[in-house]
């Protein structure tokens, strides 16, 4: 179970980084030709090293940070149409997936659980 949560968290975080970049630079940017909103992926890079190395503390704080992306996904899914709405739904799904996997990993990797 701990291996599953590790792999799921890593995969969903990396997928969310690529989704944010592709969304704002190519697929459905706010302004034609791309926008500065692509920089929203930068905070996702902060926990990447710790997540890939299985650091429990990183999983704990990253699970709180990912809620910002969940919120953005919900807002944009309800306000946009077409491709933007589909991408927002994907962002929401990836954020929820990461959140569940990160909480599971943090819970399963604590000393009392071993």
Protein backbone atom coordinates (compact mmCIF):
# COMPACT_ATOMS: atom_id res chain seq x y z
CA UNK A 1 0.00 0.00 0.00
CA UNK A 2 2.84 2.41 0.79
CA UNK A 3 4.43 1.71 -2.61
CA UNK A 4 1.11 2.42 -4.33
CA UNK A 5 0.69 5.75 -2.55
CA UNK A 6 4.30 6.73 -3.37
CA UNK A 7 3.95 5.93 -7.08
CA UNK A 8 0.52 7.56 -7.32
CA UNK A 9 1.72 10.74 -5.63
CA UNK A 10 4.81 10.97 -7.85
CA UNK A 11 2.85 10.31 -11.02
CA UNK A 12 0.02 12.70 -10.28
CA UNK A 13 2.38 15.52 -9.27
CA UNK A 14 4.46 15.17 -12.43
CA UNK A 15 1.30 14.92 -14.56
CA UNK A 16 -0.08 18.07 -12.90
CA UNK A 17 3.12 19.98 -13.65
CA UNK A 18 2.94 19.02 -17.32
CA UNK A 19 -0.79 19.72 -17.47
CA UNK A 20 -0.34 23.24 -16.08
CA UNK A 21 2.41 24.02 -18.56
CA UNK A 22 0.58 22.58 -21.57
CA UNK A 23 -2.68 24.25 -20.58
CA UNK A 24 -1.33 27.77 -20.28
CA UNK A 25 1.26 27.64 -23.05
CA UNK A 26 -0.44 25.65 -25.80
CA UNK A 27 -3.80 23.94 -25.22
CA UNK A 28 -6.09 26.71 -23.91
CA UNK A 29 -4.11 29.77 -22.77
CA UNK A 30 -5.92 32.74 -21.27
CA UNK A 31 -4.31 34.93 -23.97
CA UNK A 32 -3.40 33.71 -27.45
CA UNK A 33 0.24 32.65 -27.67
CA UNK A 34 0.52 31.73 -23.99
CA UNK A 35 0.31 33.63 -20.75
CA UNK A 36 2.20 34.32 -17.57
CA UNK A 37 -0.28 32.03 -15.84
CA UNK A 38 2.04 29.19 -16.87
CA UNK A 39 4.16 30.21 -13.89
CA UNK A 40 1.54 28.60 -11.66
CA UNK A 41 3.46 25.35 -12.11
CA UNK A 42 6.51 26.72 -10.27
CA UNK A 43 5.16 26.04 -6.76
CA UNK A 44 4.63 22.42 -7.83
CA UNK A 45 8.37 22.11 -8.44
CA UNK A 46 9.16 22.96 -4.80
CA UNK A 47 8.00 19.62 -3.33
CA UNK A 48 9.02 17.50 -6.34
CA UNK A 49 12.48 16.52 -5.02
CA UNK A 50 11.13 15.57 -1.59
CA UNK A 51 8.21 13.66 -3.05
CA UNK A 52 10.47 11.66 -5.35
CA UNK A 53 12.76 10.85 -2.42
CA UNK A 54 9.91 9.81 -0.13
CA UNK A 55 10.34 12.47 2.54
CA UNK A 56 7.33 12.28 4.83
CA UNK A 57 7.41 15.95 5.84
CA UNK A 58 7.28 17.01 2.18
CA UNK A 59 4.21 14.83 1.67
CA UNK A 60 2.55 16.51 4.64
CA UNK A 61 2.99 20.11 3.52
CA UNK A 62 2.51 19.36 -0.17
CA UNK A 63 -0.87 17.82 0.59
CA UNK A 64 -1.97 21.22 1.92
CA UNK A 65 -0.42 23.18 -0.97
CA UNK A 66 -2.18 21.03 -3.58
CA UNK A 67 -5.53 22.27 -2.31
CA UNK A 68 -4.83 25.57 -4.12
CA UNK A 69 -4.75 23.69 -7.42
CA UNK A 70 -7.92 21.83 -6.46
CA UNK A 71 -9.60 25.17 -5.81
CA UNK A 72 -8.40 26.65 -9.10
CA UNK A 73 -9.62 23.56 -10.95
CA UNK A 74 -13.09 23.77 -9.42
CA UNK A 75 -13.40 27.50 -10.15
CA UNK A 76 -12.21 27.21 -13.73
CA UNK A 77 -14.31 24.07 -14.36
CA UNK A 78 -17.43 26.02 -13.42
CA UNK A 79 -16.55 29.24 -15.26
CA UNK A 80 -14.89 28.07 -18.48
CA UNK A 81 -16.23 26.12 -21.43
CA UNK A 82 -14.78 23.75 -23.99
CA UNK A 83 -11.14 22.72 -23.72
CA UNK A 84 -10.50 24.95 -20.71
CA UNK A 85 -13.26 23.24 -18.76
CA UNK A 86 -11.93 19.78 -19.62
CA UNK A 87 -8.44 20.77 -18.54
CA UNK A 88 -9.80 22.21 -15.29
CA UNK A 89 -11.58 18.94 -14.57
CA UNK A 90 -8.33 17.08 -15.23
CA UNK A 91 -6.48 19.45 -12.89
CA UNK A 92 -9.07 18.82 -10.18
CA UNK A 93 -8.81 15.05 -10.64
CA UNK A 94 -5.00 15.12 -10.46
CA UNK A 95 -5.06 17.35 -7.38
CA UNK A 96 -7.49 15.01 -5.59
CA UNK A 97 -5.42 11.98 -6.62
CA UNK A 98 -2.23 13.58 -5.30
CA UNK A 99 -3.94 14.66 -2.07
CA UNK A 100 -5.27 11.16 -1.31
CA UNK A 101 -1.95 9.50 -2.18
CA UNK A 102 0.11 12.02 -0.18
CA UNK A 103 -2.07 11.70 2.91
CA UNK A 104 -1.97 7.90 2.61
CA UNK A 105 1.82 7.91 2.26
CA UNK A 106 2.29 10.28 5.21
CA UNK A 107 -0.02 8.17 7.33
CA UNK A 108 1.50 4.82 6.36
CA UNK A 109 5.11 5.97 6.72
CA UNK A 110 4.85 7.23 10.29
CA UNK A 111 6.80 5.35 12.93
CA UNK A 112 3.79 4.00 14.81
CA UNK A 113 2.38 2.51 11.58
CA UNK A 114 5.52 0.47 10.90
